[in-house]
């Protein structure tokens, strides 16, 4: 049986693949911390990152936050603003989709199997400055989701 973190990363990957975006891609799941775009096309990877114990809710329930990275990568000439602008826009489009709606309702990541899980935060990771993404002629944007689950 997979851990909850892996199951949630898989659910995020499925949500990305079941949604229509401004650019075409097929998201994959990876556990590799160093991400390098293999070809010239757009690559989107979902990476389980970690778990934070929040605390107990009564005697039987525990609240945990799970962090899941969405890595958007493509080999481009970094000086090509037209190409990088499209990738930045896609990263923001994905981030906004996972944020709460206008009524403050959180995006549901997983309804079944129980327990239900919601995205409660989206953070931009400074991938441009992180050594694990420092590959010549590659654009990388990382959006880290925080997914809350009461188990």
Protein backbone atom coordinates (compact mmCIF):
# COMPACT_ATOMS: atom_id res chain seq x y z
CA UNK A 1 0.00 0.00 0.00
CA UNK A 2 1.34 3.43 -0.93
CA UNK A 3 1.78 6.11 1.66
CA UNK A 4 -0.73 8.97 1.86
CA UNK A 5 1.94 11.34 0.43
CA UNK A 6 2.37 9.18 -2.68
CA UNK A 7 -1.39 8.76 -3.09
CA UNK A 8 -1.92 12.53 -2.88
CA UNK A 9 0.87 13.20 -5.40
CA UNK A 10 -0.79 10.71 -7.73
CA UNK A 11 -4.14 12.50 -7.23
CA UNK A 12 -2.54 15.87 -8.08
CA UNK A 13 -1.02 14.34 -11.23
CA UNK A 14 -4.44 13.00 -12.24
CA UNK A 15 -6.09 16.40 -11.64
CA UNK A 16 -3.47 18.08 -13.84
CA UNK A 17 -4.04 15.54 -16.60
CA UNK A 18 -7.84 15.76 -16.39
CA UNK A 19 -7.90 19.56 -16.75
CA UNK A 20 -7.57 21.65 -19.92
CA UNK A 21 -4.64 24.11 -19.74
CA UNK A 22 -3.38 26.86 -22.03
CA UNK A 23 -0.52 24.55 -23.07
CA UNK A 24 -0.66 20.82 -23.76
CA UNK A 25 1.24 18.44 -21.49
CA UNK A 26 0.93 15.11 -19.73
CA UNK A 27 1.99 15.28 -16.10
CA UNK A 28 4.04 12.44 -14.63
CA UNK A 29 4.94 11.58 -11.04
CA UNK A 30 8.55 11.42 -9.93
CA UNK A 31 10.46 11.20 -6.67
CA UNK A 32 13.69 12.53 -8.15
CA UNK A 33 14.74 15.79 -6.48
CA UNK A 34 16.93 16.90 -9.41
CA UNK A 35 14.77 17.57 -12.44
CA UNK A 36 16.15 17.88 -15.95
CA UNK A 37 13.93 18.27 -19.00
CA UNK A 38 14.79 15.43 -21.35
CA UNK A 39 13.49 16.71 -24.68
CA UNK A 40 12.51 19.99 -26.28
CA UNK A 41 8.85 19.68 -25.22
CA UNK A 42 7.07 20.92 -22.13
CA UNK A 43 7.41 18.59 -19.15
CA UNK A 44 5.33 18.71 -15.97
CA UNK A 45 6.24 16.48 -13.06
CA UNK A 46 4.55 16.00 -9.71
CA UNK A 47 6.88 15.21 -6.83
CA UNK A 48 5.88 14.14 -3.31
CA UNK A 49 7.97 16.43 -1.09
CA UNK A 50 7.14 15.90 2.57
CA UNK A 51 4.75 15.68 5.49
CA UNK A 52 4.21 17.90 8.52
CA UNK A 53 2.40 16.69 11.62
CA UNK A 54 0.03 19.48 12.67
CA UNK A 55 -1.58 17.94 15.74
CA UNK A 56 -4.35 15.87 17.22
CA UNK A 57 -8.01 16.66 16.72
CA UNK A 58 -9.69 14.85 19.55
CA UNK A 59 -8.77 11.30 20.49
CA UNK A 60 -9.15 9.63 17.13
CA UNK A 61 -8.08 12.17 14.50
CA UNK A 62 -4.71 13.55 13.45
CA UNK A 63 -4.18 16.55 11.16
CA UNK A 64 -1.27 16.49 8.70
CA UNK A 65 -0.09 18.80 5.96
CA UNK A 66 1.48 17.22 2.89
CA UNK A 67 3.73 19.14 0.52
CA UNK A 68 3.65 18.26 -3.18
CA UNK A 69 5.72 19.99 -5.84
CA UNK A 70 4.57 20.67 -9.38
CA UNK A 71 7.65 21.10 -11.56
CA UNK A 72 7.19 22.82 -14.93
CA UNK A 73 10.30 22.47 -17.12
CA UNK A 74 11.36 22.97 -20.69
CA UNK A 75 14.64 23.36 -22.50
CA UNK A 76 14.68 26.91 -23.90
CA UNK A 77 17.09 29.69 -24.57
CA UNK A 78 16.86 31.53 -21.26
CA UNK A 79 17.19 34.86 -23.10
CA UNK A 80 14.06 34.03 -25.14
CA UNK A 81 11.47 36.05 -23.23
CA UNK A 82 8.58 34.87 -25.42
CA UNK A 83 9.22 31.22 -24.53
CA UNK A 84 9.88 31.84 -20.83
CA UNK A 85 6.88 34.18 -20.51
CA UNK A 86 4.58 31.37 -21.70
CA UNK A 87 6.06 29.02 -19.10
CA UNK A 88 5.73 31.59 -16.32
CA UNK A 89 2.09 32.14 -17.34
CA UNK A 90 1.44 28.38 -17.26
CA UNK A 91 3.00 28.09 -13.80
CA UNK A 92 0.74 30.89 -12.55
CA UNK A 93 -2.31 29.37 -14.26
CA UNK A 94 -1.70 26.07 -12.48
CA UNK A 95 -1.08 27.80 -9.13
CA UNK A 96 -4.30 29.83 -9.39
CA UNK A 97 -6.30 26.71 -10.29
CA UNK A 98 -5.22 25.03 -7.05
CA UNK A 99 -5.96 28.11 -4.89
CA UNK A 100 -9.28 28.61 -3.09
CA UNK A 101 -12.16 29.83 -5.23
CA UNK A 102 -13.86 33.23 -4.86
CA UNK A 103 -16.00 31.85 -2.02
CA UNK A 104 -12.94 30.67 -0.08
CA UNK A 105 -13.68 27.02 -0.82
CA UNK A 106 -10.51 24.92 -0.97
CA UNK A 107 -9.69 22.80 -4.01
CA UNK A 108 -10.43 19.16 -3.21
CA UNK A 109 -7.46 16.96 -4.07
CA UNK A 110 -8.91 13.63 -3.02
CA UNK A 111 -12.40 12.65 -1.90
CA UNK A 112 -12.05 8.89 -1.93
CA UNK A 113 -10.69 6.84 -0.40
CA UNK A 114 -11.36 8.71 2.80
CA UNK A 115 -10.06 10.85 4.41
CA UNK A 116 -10.78 13.81 2.18
CA UNK A 117 -7.84 16.10 1.33
CA UNK A 118 -7.81 19.80 0.33
CA UNK A 119 -5.22 22.14 -1.09
CA UNK A 120 -4.81 24.90 1.51
CA UNK A 121 -1.80 26.70 0.08
CA UNK A 122 0.26 27.28 -3.05
CA UNK A 123 3.79 28.60 -2.83
CA UNK A 124 6.32 29.54 -5.49
CA UNK A 125 9.66 27.85 -4.87
CA UNK A 126 12.65 29.88 -5.95
CA UNK A 127 13.74 27.27 -8.47
CA UNK A 128 15.77 29.70 -10.53
CA UNK A 129 18.24 29.94 -7.65
CA UNK A 130 18.17 26.34 -6.42
CA UNK A 131 21.23 24.28 -7.37
CA UNK A 132 19.17 21.19 -8.19
CA UNK A 133 17.52 23.06 -11.08
CA UNK A 134 20.60 24.94 -12.30
CA UNK A 135 20.89 23.40 -15.75
CA UNK A 136 21.97 25.45 -18.72
CA UNK A 137 19.23 26.36 -21.21
CA UNK A 138 16.43 25.01 -19.04
CA UNK A 139 13.50 26.90 -17.58
CA UNK A 140 12.02 25.48 -14.39
CA UNK A 141 9.14 26.74 -12.27
CA UNK A 142 8.09 24.95 -9.10
CA UNK A 143 4.78 25.41 -7.31
CA UNK A 144 4.55 23.71 -3.92
CA UNK A 145 1.06 22.70 -2.80
CA UNK A 146 0.14 22.23 0.84
CA UNK A 147 -2.54 19.58 1.13
CA UNK A 148 -4.40 19.21 4.42
CA UNK A 149 -5.73 15.87 5.52
CA UNK A 150 -7.51 14.89 8.74
CA UNK A 151 -6.90 11.19 9.34
